[in-house]
Amino acid sequence: DKVIGSGDILFFILLGVSFPVVSFVVLFVLSLIFSLLISIIF
């Protein structure tokens, strides 16, 4: 709970329920990279 919020985990579930396996994996990884880049920039 000090590293990741419950909302973040709920969003993982949202992604997992919303897409087929390949799309889920690709979107999950790319969204993490996107989040990292945005957090570095801002």
All heavy atoms as atom14 arrays in JSON, in Angstrom:
{
  "sequence": "DKVIGSGDILFFILLGVSFPVVSFVVLFVLSLIFSLLISIIF",
  "atom14_mask": [
    [1, 1, 1, 1, 1, 1, 1, 1, 0, 0, 0, 0, 0, 0],
    [1, 1, 1, 1, 1, 1, 1, 1, 1, 0, 0, 0, 0, 0],
    [1, 1, 1, 1, 1, 1, 1, 0, 0, 0, 0, 0, 0, 0],
    [1, 1, 1, 1, 1, 1, 1, 1, 0, 0, 0, 0, 0, 0],
    [1, 1, 1, 1, 0, 0, 0, 0, 0, 0, 0, 0, 0, 0],
    [1, 1, 1, 1, 1, 1, 0, 0, 0, 0, 0, 0, 0, 0],
    [1, 1, 1, 1, 0, 0, 0, 0, 0, 0, 0, 0, 0, 0],
    [1, 1, 1, 1, 1, 1, 1, 1, 0, 0, 0, 0, 0, 0],
    [1, 1, 1, 1, 1, 1, 1, 1, 0, 0, 0, 0, 0, 0],
    [1, 1, 1, 1, 1, 1, 1, 1, 0, 0, 0, 0, 0, 0],
    [1, 1, 1, 1, 1, 1, 1, 1, 1, 1, 1, 0, 0, 0],
    [1, 1, 1, 1, 1, 1, 1, 1, 1, 1, 1, 0, 0, 0],
    [1, 1, 1, 1, 1, 1, 1, 1, 0, 0, 0, 0, 0, 0],
    [1, 1, 1, 1, 1, 1, 1, 1, 0, 0, 0, 0, 0, 0],
    [1, 1, 1, 1, 1, 1, 1, 1, 0, 0, 0, 0, 0, 0],
    [1, 1, 1, 1, 0, 0, 0, 0, 0, 0, 0, 0, 0, 0],
    [1, 1, 1, 1, 1, 1, 1, 0, 0, 0, 0, 0, 0, 0],
    [1, 1, 1, 1, 1, 1, 0, 0, 0, 0, 0, 0, 0, 0],
    [1, 1, 1, 1, 1, 1, 1, 1, 1, 1, 1, 0, 0, 0],
    [1, 1, 1, 1, 1, 1, 1, 0, 0, 0, 0, 0, 0, 0],
    [1, 1, 1, 1, 1, 1, 1, 0, 0, 0, 0, 0, 0, 0],
    [1, 1, 1, 1, 1, 1, 1, 0, 0, 0, 0, 0, 0, 0],
    [1, 1, 1, 1, 1, 1, 0, 0, 0, 0, 0, 0, 0, 0],
    [1, 1, 1, 1, 1, 1, 1, 1, 1, 1, 1, 0, 0, 0],
    [1, 1, 1, 1, 1, 1, 1, 0, 0, 0, 0, 0, 0, 0],
    [1, 1, 1, 1, 1, 1, 1, 0, 0, 0, 0, 0, 0, 0],
    [1, 1, 1, 1, 1, 1, 1, 1, 0, 0, 0, 0, 0, 0],
    [1, 1, 1, 1, 1, 1, 1, 1, 1, 1, 1, 0, 0, 0],
    [1, 1, 1, 1, 1, 1, 1, 0, 0, 0, 0, 0, 0, 0],
    [1, 1, 1, 1, 1, 1, 1, 1, 0, 0, 0, 0, 0, 0],
    [1, 1, 1, 1, 1, 1, 0, 0, 0, 0, 0, 0, 0, 0],
    [1, 1, 1, 1, 1, 1, 1, 1, 0, 0, 0, 0, 0, 0],
    [1, 1, 1, 1, 1, 1, 1, 1, 0, 0, 0, 0, 0, 0],
    [1, 1, 1, 1, 1, 1, 1, 1, 1, 1, 1, 0, 0, 0],
    [1, 1, 1, 1, 1, 1, 0, 0, 0, 0, 0, 0, 0, 0],
    [1, 1, 1, 1, 1, 1, 1, 1, 0, 0, 0, 0, 0, 0],
    [1, 1, 1, 1, 1, 1, 1, 1, 0, 0, 0, 0, 0, 0],
    [1, 1, 1, 1, 1, 1, 1, 1, 0, 0, 0, 0, 0, 0],
    [1, 1, 1, 1, 1, 1, 0, 0, 0, 0, 0, 0, 0, 0],
    [1, 1, 1, 1, 1, 1, 1, 1, 0, 0, 0, 0, 0, 0],
    [1, 1, 1, 1, 1, 1, 1, 1, 0, 0, 0, 0, 0, 0],
    [1, 1, 1, 1, 1, 1, 1, 1, 1, 1, 1, 0, 0, 0]
  ],
  "atom14_positions": [
    [[0.8, -1.22, 0.0], [0.0, 0.0, 0.0], [0.84, 1.28, 0.0], [0.34, 2.36, -0.31], [-0.96, 0.01, 1.18], [-0.24, -0.03, 2.52], [0.81, -0.69, 2.62], [-0.72, 0.61, 3.47], [0.0, 0.0, 0.0], [0.0, 0.0, 0.0], [0.0, 0.0, 0.0], [0.0, 0.0, 0.0], [0.0, 0.0, 0.0], [0.0, 0.0, 0.0]],
    [[2.12, 1.17, 0.31], [3.02, 2.33, 0.28], [3.57, 2.57, -1.12], [4.13, 3.62, -1.39], [4.19, 2.14, 1.25], [3.79, 1.87, 2.67], [3.13, 3.07, 3.28], [2.81, 2.75, 4.73], [1.79, 3.6, 5.27], [0.0, 0.0, 0.0], [0.0, 0.0, 0.0], [0.0, 0.0, 0.0], [0.0, 0.0, 0.0], [0.0, 0.0, 0.0]],
    [[3.42, 1.58, -2.01], [4.01, 1.64, -3.33], [2.96, 1.86, -4.42], [3.21, 2.55, -5.39], [4.81, 0.35, -3.62], [5.35, 0.33, -5.03], [5.93, 0.2, -2.61], [0.0, 0.0, 0.0], [0.0, 0.0, 0.0], [0.0, 0.0, 0.0], [0.0, 0.0, 0.0], [0.0, 0.0, 0.0], [0.0, 0.0, 0.0], [0.0, 0.0, 0.0]],
    [[1.79, 1.29, -4.24], [0.74, 1.37, -5.26], [-0.61, 1.55, -4.56], [-0.86, 0.94, -3.53], [0.75, 0.13, -6.17], [-0.15, 0.33, -7.38], [0.41, -1.12, -5.42], [0.08, -0.67, -8.47], [0.0, 0.0, 0.0], [0.0, 0.0, 0.0], [0.0, 0.0, 0.0], [0.0, 0.0, 0.0], [0.0, 0.0, 0.0], [0.0, 0.0, 0.0]],
    [[-1.44, 2.39, -5.15], [-2.75, 2.64, -4.57], [-3.78, 1.62, -4.99], [-3.63, 0.95, -6.02], [0.0, 0.0, 0.0], [0.0, 0.0, 0.0], [0.0, 0.0, 0.0], [0.0, 0.0, 0.0], [0.0, 0.0, 0.0], [0.0, 0.0, 0.0], [0.0, 0.0, 0.0], [0.0, 0.0, 0.0], [0.0, 0.0, 0.0], [0.0, 0.0, 0.0]],
    [[-4.84, 1.53, -4.22], [-5.91, 0.59, -4.57], [-6.58, 0.99, -5.88], [-7.03, 0.13, -6.64], [-6.93, 0.51, -3.44], [-7.46, 1.79, -3.15], [0.0, 0.0, 0.0], [0.0, 0.0, 0.0], [0.0, 0.0, 0.0], [0.0, 0.0, 0.0], [0.0, 0.0, 0.0], [0.0, 0.0, 0.0], [0.0, 0.0, 0.0], [0.0, 0.0, 0.0]],
    [[-6.63, 2.28, -6.18], [-7.18, 2.72, -7.45], [-6.37, 2.24, -8.64], [-6.91, 1.93, -9.7], [0.0, 0.0, 0.0], [0.0, 0.0, 0.0], [0.0, 0.0, 0.0], [0.0, 0.0, 0.0], [0.0, 0.0, 0.0], [0.0, 0.0, 0.0], [0.0, 0.0, 0.0], [0.0, 0.0, 0.0], [0.0, 0.0, 0.0], [0.0, 0.0, 0.0]],
    [[-5.06, 2.19, -8.45], [-4.19, 1.69, -9.52], [-4.49, 0.22, -9.81], [-4.56, -0.19, -10.96], [-2.72, 1.87, -9.15], [-2.37, 3.33, -8.88], [-3.0, 4.22, -9.49], [-1.48, 3.57, -8.04], [0.0, 0.0, 0.0], [0.0, 0.0, 0.0], [0.0, 0.0, 0.0], [0.0, 0.0, 0.0], [0.0, 0.0, 0.0], [0.0, 0.0, 0.0]],
    [[-4.67, -0.55, -8.76], [-4.99, -1.98, -8.92], [-6.37, -2.13, -9.56], [-6.56, -2.98, -10.44], [-4.89, -2.72, -7.57], [-3.43, -2.73, -7.11], [-5.45, -4.13, -7.68], [-3.2, -3.23, -5.71], [0.0, 0.0, 0.0], [0.0, 0.0, 0.0], [0.0, 0.0, 0.0], [0.0, 0.0, 0.0], [0.0, 0.0, 0.0], [0.0, 0.0, 0.0]],
    [[-7.32, -1.3, -9.15], [-8.64, -1.35, -9.77], [-8.56, -0.99, -11.26], [-9.29, -1.55, -12.08], [-9.61, -0.4, -9.06], [-10.1, -0.87, -7.69], [-10.84, 0.24, -6.97], [-10.99, -2.1, -7.84], [0.0, 0.0, 0.0], [0.0, 0.0, 0.0], [0.0, 0.0, 0.0], [0.0, 0.0, 0.0], [0.0, 0.0, 0.0], [0.0, 0.0, 0.0]],
    [[-7.66, -0.08, -11.6], [-7.51, 0.25, -13.01], [-6.89, -0.92, -13.79], [-7.25, -1.15, -14.94], [-6.68, 1.52, -13.23], [-6.83, 2.04, -14.62], [-7.92, 2.8, -14.97], [-5.91, 1.71, -15.6], [-8.1, 3.24, -16.28], [-6.08, 2.15, -16.9], [-7.18, 2.92, -17.24], [0.0, 0.0, 0.0], [0.0, 0.0, 0.0], [0.0, 0.0, 0.0]],
    [[-5.99, -1.66, -13.17], [-5.45, -2.87, -13.81], [-6.6, -3.82, -14.14], [-6.65, -4.41, -15.21], [-4.46, -3.59, -12.91], [-3.18, -2.86, -12.61], [-2.29, -3.38, -11.69], [-2.86, -1.65, -13.22], [-1.1, -2.73, -11.39], [-1.67, -0.98, -12.92], [-0.79, -1.53, -12.01], [0.0, 0.0, 0.0], [0.0, 0.0, 0.0], [0.0, 0.0, 0.0]],
    [[-7.52, -3.97, -13.19], [-8.69, -4.84, -13.38], [-9.56, -4.31, -14.51], [-10.03, -5.07, -15.37], [-9.48, -5.0, -12.07], [-8.62, -5.73, -11.03], [-10.81, -5.71, -12.3], [-9.16, -5.68, -9.62], [0.0, 0.0, 0.0], [0.0, 0.0, 0.0], [0.0, 0.0, 0.0], [0.0, 0.0, 0.0], [0.0, 0.0, 0.0], [0.0, 0.0, 0.0]],
    [[-9.77, -2.99, -14.55], [-10.54, -2.38, -15.62], [-9.94, -2.73, -16.98], [-10.65, -3.13, -17.9], [-10.58, -0.86, -15.43], [-11.49, -0.04, -16.34], [-11.88, 1.25, -15.64], [-10.88, 0.27, -17.67], [0.0, 0.0, 0.0], [0.0, 0.0, 0.0], [0.0, 0.0, 0.0], [0.0, 0.0, 0.0], [0.0, 0.0, 0.0], [0.0, 0.0, 0.0]],
    [[-8.64, -2.6, -17.09], [-7.96, -2.96, -18.35], [-8.13, -4.44, -18.67], [-8.4, -4.81, -19.81], [-6.47, -2.64, -18.25], [-5.99, -1.27, -18.68], [-4.51, -1.11, -18.38], [-6.27, -1.0, -20.12], [0.0, 0.0, 0.0], [0.0, 0.0, 0.0], [0.0, 0.0, 0.0], [0.0, 0.0, 0.0], [0.0, 0.0, 0.0], [0.0, 0.0, 0.0]],
    [[-7.96, -5.29, -17.67], [-8.04, -6.73, -17.87], [-9.41, -7.21, -18.3], [-9.54, -8.15, -19.08], [0.0, 0.0, 0.0], [0.0, 0.0, 0.0], [0.0, 0.0, 0.0], [0.0, 0.0, 0.0], [0.0, 0.0, 0.0], [0.0, 0.0, 0.0], [0.0, 0.0, 0.0], [0.0, 0.0, 0.0], [0.0, 0.0, 0.0], [0.0, 0.0, 0.0]],
    [[-10.44, -6.55, -17.81], [-11.81, -6.93, -18.16], [-12.19, -6.39, -19.53], [-13.0, -6.98, -20.24], [-12.79, -6.4, -17.08], [-14.23, -6.49, -17.52], [-12.59, -7.15, -15.77], [0.0, 0.0, 0.0], [0.0, 0.0, 0.0], [0.0, 0.0, 0.0], [0.0, 0.0, 0.0], [0.0, 0.0, 0.0], [0.0, 0.0, 0.0], [0.0, 0.0, 0.0]],
    [[-11.59, -5.3, -19.92], [-12.01, -4.57, -21.12], [-11.45, -5.08, -22.44], [-11.99, -4.74, -23.49], [-11.64, -3.09, -20.98], [-12.27, -2.53, -19.86], [0.0, 0.0, 0.0], [0.0, 0.0, 0.0], [0.0, 0.0, 0.0], [0.0, 0.0, 0.0], [0.0, 0.0, 0.0], [0.0, 0.0, 0.0], [0.0, 0.0, 0.0], [0.0, 0.0, 0.0]],
    [[-10.4, -5.87, -22.41], [-9.73, -6.22, -23.66], [-9.31, -7.68, -23.71], [-9.05, -8.31, -22.69], [-8.48, -5.35, -23.86], [-8.81, -3.9, -24.02], [-8.71, -3.04, -22.94], [-9.25, -3.41, -25.24], [-9.04, -1.7, -23.09], [-9.58, -2.07, -25.38], [-9.48, -1.22, -24.3], [0.0, 0.0, 0.0], [0.0, 0.0, 0.0], [0.0, 0.0, 0.0]],
    [[-9.2, -8.21, -24.95], [-8.64, -9.55, -25.12], [-7.18, -9.57, -24.65], [-6.56, -8.51, -24.48], [-8.72, -9.78, -26.63], [-9.61, -8.74, -27.18], [-9.62, -7.61, -26.21], [0.0, 0.0, 0.0], [0.0, 0.0, 0.0], [0.0, 0.0, 0.0], [0.0, 0.0, 0.0], [0.0, 0.0, 0.0], [0.0, 0.0, 0.0], [0.0, 0.0, 0.0]],
    [[-6.63, -10.73, -24.47], [-5.32, -10.92, -23.84], [-4.21, -10.1, -24.5], [-3.48, -9.36, -23.83], [-4.93, -12.42, -23.81], [-3.54, -12.6, -23.23], [-5.95, -13.21, -23.03], [0.0, 0.0, 0.0], [0.0, 0.0, 0.0], [0.0, 0.0, 0.0], [0.0, 0.0, 0.0], [0.0, 0.0, 0.0], [0.0, 0.0, 0.0], [0.0, 0.0, 0.0]],
    [[-4.04, -10.21, -25.8], [-2.94, -9.52, -26.48], [-3.1, -8.01, -26.34], [-2.14, -7.3, -26.0], [-2.84, -9.94, -27.97], [-1.8, -9.11, -28.69], [-2.52, -11.43, -28.07], [0.0, 0.0, 0.0], [0.0, 0.0, 0.0], [0.0, 0.0, 0.0], [0.0, 0.0, 0.0], [0.0, 0.0, 0.0], [0.0, 0.0, 0.0], [0.0, 0.0, 0.0]],
    [[-4.3, -7.5, -26.57], [-4.55, -6.07, -26.43], [-4.31, -5.62, -25.0], [-3.74, -4.55, -24.77], [-5.97, -5.72, -26.85], [-6.15, -5.94, -28.22], [0.0, 0.0, 0.0], [0.0, 0.0, 0.0], [0.0, 0.0, 0.0], [0.0, 0.0, 0.0], [0.0, 0.0, 0.0], [0.0, 0.0, 0.0], [0.0, 0.0, 0.0], [0.0, 0.0, 0.0]],
    [[-4.75, -6.42, -24.03], [-4.54, -6.08, -22.62], [-3.05, -5.93, -22.31], [-2.63, -4.94, -21.73], [-5.17, -7.14, -21.71], [-4.66, -7.08, -20.29], [-4.96, -6.01, -19.48], [-3.85, -8.09, -19.79], [-4.48, -5.95, -18.17], [-3.37, -8.04, -18.5], [-3.68, -6.97, -17.68], [0.0, 0.0, 0.0], [0.0, 0.0, 0.0], [0.0, 0.0, 0.0]],
    [[-2.26, -6.91, -22.72], [-0.82, -6.88, -22.43], [-0.17, -5.66, -23.09], [0.59, -4.93, -22.46], [-0.13, -8.2, -22.86], [1.37, -8.09, -22.76], [-0.64, -9.36, -22.02], [0.0, 0.0, 0.0], [0.0, 0.0, 0.0], [0.0, 0.0, 0.0], [0.0, 0.0, 0.0], [0.0, 0.0, 0.0], [0.0, 0.0, 0.0], [0.0, 0.0, 0.0]],
    [[-0.49, -5.45, -24.37], [0.1, -4.31, -25.09], [-0.32, -2.99, -24.46], [0.52, -2.12, -24.19], [-0.27, -4.37, -26.6], [0.1, -3.08, -27.31], [0.38, -5.57, -27.26], [0.0, 0.0, 0.0], [0.0, 0.0, 0.0], [0.0, 0.0, 0.0], [0.0, 0.0, 0.0], [0.0, 0.0, 0.0], [0.0, 0.0, 0.0], [0.0, 0.0, 0.0]],
    [[-1.61, -2.82, -24.2], [-2.1, -1.57, -23.6], [-1.55, -1.38, -22.19], [-1.22, -0.25, -21.8], [-3.63, -1.54, -23.59], [-4.29, -1.34, -24.93], [-5.8, -1.58, -24.84], [-4.01, 0.04, -25.49], [0.0, 0.0, 0.0], [0.0, 0.0, 0.0], [0.0, 0.0, 0.0], [0.0, 0.0, 0.0], [0.0, 0.0, 0.0], [0.0, 0.0, 0.0]],
    [[-1.45, -2.45, -21.43], [-0.94, -2.36, -20.06], [0.51, -1.87, -20.07], [0.86, -0.92, -19.38], [-1.04, -3.73, -19.37], [-0.62, -3.72, -17.94], [-1.47, -3.23, -16.96], [0.62, -4.2, -17.56], [-1.09, -3.21, -15.63], [1.01, -4.19, -16.24], [0.15, -3.69, -15.27], [0.0, 0.0, 0.0], [0.0, 0.0, 0.0], [0.0, 0.0, 0.0]],
    [[1.34, -2.51, -20.88], [2.76, -2.13, -20.94], [2.93, -0.72, -21.49], [3.66, 0.1, -20.92], [3.56, -3.16, -21.78], [4.96, -2.67, -22.05], [3.59, -4.52, -21.07], [0.0, 0.0, 0.0], [0.0, 0.0, 0.0], [0.0, 0.0, 0.0], [0.0, 0.0, 0.0], [0.0, 0.0, 0.0], [0.0, 0.0, 0.0], [0.0, 0.0, 0.0]],
    [[2.25, -0.42, -22.59], [2.38, 0.91, -23.18], [1.84, 2.01, -22.25], [2.4, 3.1, -22.2], [1.69, 0.97, -24.54], [2.36, 0.18, -25.67], [1.54, 0.27, -26.95], [3.79, 0.64, -25.9], [0.0, 0.0, 0.0], [0.0, 0.0, 0.0], [0.0, 0.0, 0.0], [0.0, 0.0, 0.0], [0.0, 0.0, 0.0], [0.0, 0.0, 0.0]],
    [[0.78, 1.7, -21.51], [0.24, 2.7, -20.58], [1.2, 2.95, -19.42], [1.3, 4.08, -18.92], [-1.14, 2.29, -20.06], [-1.06, 1.19, -19.19], [0.0, 0.0, 0.0], [0.0, 0.0, 0.0], [0.0, 0.0, 0.0], [0.0, 0.0, 0.0], [0.0, 0.0, 0.0], [0.0, 0.0, 0.0], [0.0, 0.0, 0.0], [0.0, 0.0, 0.0]],
    [[1.93, 1.93, -19.0], [2.94, 2.12, -17.95], [4.11, 2.96, -18.47], [4.6, 3.86, -17.77], [3.44, 0.77, -17.43], [2.45, -0.03, -16.6], [3.04, -1.39, -16.25], [2.04, 0.71, -15.34], [0.0, 0.0, 0.0], [0.0, 0.0, 0.0], [0.0, 0.0, 0.0], [0.0, 0.0, 0.0], [0.0, 0.0, 0.0], [0.0, 0.0, 0.0]],
    [[4.54, 2.69, -19.7], [5.61, 3.48, -20.3], [5.15, 4.93, -20.48], [5.88, 5.87, -20.16], [6.06, 2.86, -21.65], [6.74, 1.51, -21.4], [6.98, 3.81, -22.4], [6.98, 0.69, -22.65], [0.0, 0.0, 0.0], [0.0, 0.0, 0.0], [0.0, 0.0, 0.0], [0.0, 0.0, 0.0], [0.0, 0.0, 0.0], [0.0, 0.0, 0.0]],
    [[3.94, 5.12, -20.98], [3.36, 6.46, -21.14], [3.33, 7.19, -19.79], [3.73, 8.35, -19.7], [1.94, 6.32, -21.71], [1.18, 7.61, -21.79], [1.36, 8.48, -22.85], [0.25, 7.94, -20.82], [0.64, 9.66, -22.94], [-0.47, 9.12, -20.9], [-0.28, 9.98, -21.96], [0.0, 0.0, 0.0], [0.0, 0.0, 0.0], [0.0, 0.0, 0.0]],
    [[2.88, 6.5, -18.75], [2.8, 7.11, -17.41], [4.18, 7.51, -16.9], [4.35, 8.57, -16.3], [2.13, 6.14, -16.43], [0.83, 5.84, -16.84], [0.0, 0.0, 0.0], [0.0, 0.0, 0.0], [0.0, 0.0, 0.0], [0.0, 0.0, 0.0], [0.0, 0.0, 0.0], [0.0, 0.0, 0.0], [0.0, 0.0, 0.0], [0.0, 0.0, 0.0]],
    [[5.16, 6.65, -17.14], [6.52, 6.95, -16.72], [7.05, 8.18, -17.45], [7.61, 9.1, -16.83], [7.43, 5.75, -16.97], [8.91, 5.95, -16.66], [9.11, 6.22, -15.18], [9.71, 4.74, -17.1], [0.0, 0.0, 0.0], [0.0, 0.0, 0.0], [0.0, 0.0, 0.0], [0.0, 0.0, 0.0], [0.0, 0.0, 0.0], [0.0, 0.0, 0.0]],
    [[6.86, 8.22, -18.76], [7.35, 9.37, -19.55], [6.66, 10.67, -19.13], [7.33, 11.69, -18.96], [7.14, 9.11, -21.04], [8.01, 8.01, -21.65], [7.61, 7.76, -23.1], [9.48, 8.34, -21.54], [0.0, 0.0, 0.0], [0.0, 0.0, 0.0], [0.0, 0.0, 0.0], [0.0, 0.0, 0.0], [0.0, 0.0, 0.0], [0.0, 0.0, 0.0]],
    [[5.37, 10.63, -18.96], [4.64, 11.84, -18.54], [5.08, 12.27, -17.15], [5.27, 13.47, -16.89], [3.11, 11.59, -18.56], [2.62, 11.37, -19.99], [2.35, 12.74, -17.9], [2.82, 12.54, -20.93], [0.0, 0.0, 0.0], [0.0, 0.0, 0.0], [0.0, 0.0, 0.0], [0.0, 0.0, 0.0], [0.0, 0.0, 0.0], [0.0, 0.0, 0.0]],
    [[5.3, 11.32, -16.25], [5.73, 11.68, -14.9], [7.14, 12.28, -14.9], [7.44, 13.15, -14.1], [5.66, 10.48, -13.96], [6.62, 9.51, -14.32], [0.0, 0.0, 0.0], [0.0, 0.0, 0.0], [0.0, 0.0, 0.0], [0.0, 0.0, 0.0], [0.0, 0.0, 0.0], [0.0, 0.0, 0.0], [0.0, 0.0, 0.0], [0.0, 0.0, 0.0]],
    [[7.99, 11.83, -15.81], [9.33, 12.41, -15.92], [9.25, 13.82, -16.5], [9.89, 14.75, -16.0], [10.25, 11.51, -16.78], [10.57, 10.22, -16.02], [11.53, 12.24, -17.16], [11.26, 9.15, -16.87], [0.0, 0.0, 0.0], [0.0, 0.0, 0.0], [0.0, 0.0, 0.0], [0.0, 0.0, 0.0], [0.0, 0.0, 0.0], [0.0, 0.0, 0.0]],
    [[8.46, 13.98, -17.55], [8.33, 15.28, -18.21], [7.71, 16.33, -17.28], [8.16, 17.47, -17.21], [7.51, 15.16, -19.51], [8.29, 14.33, -20.53], [7.16, 16.53, -20.08], [7.47, 13.9, -21.74], [0.0, 0.0, 0.0], [0.0, 0.0, 0.0], [0.0, 0.0, 0.0], [0.0, 0.0, 0.0], [0.0, 0.0, 0.0], [0.0, 0.0, 0.0]],
    [[6.68, 15.93, -16.54], [5.96, 16.87, -15.68], [6.26, 16.66, -14.2], [5.41, 16.9, -13.35], [4.45, 16.77, -15.93], [4.05, 17.19, -17.3], [3.7, 16.24, -18.26], [4.02, 18.52, -17.66], [3.33, 16.61, -19.54], [3.66, 18.91, -18.93], [3.32, 17.95, -19.87], [0.0, 0.0, 0.0], [0.0, 0.0, 0.0], [0.0, 0.0, 0.0]]
  ]
}
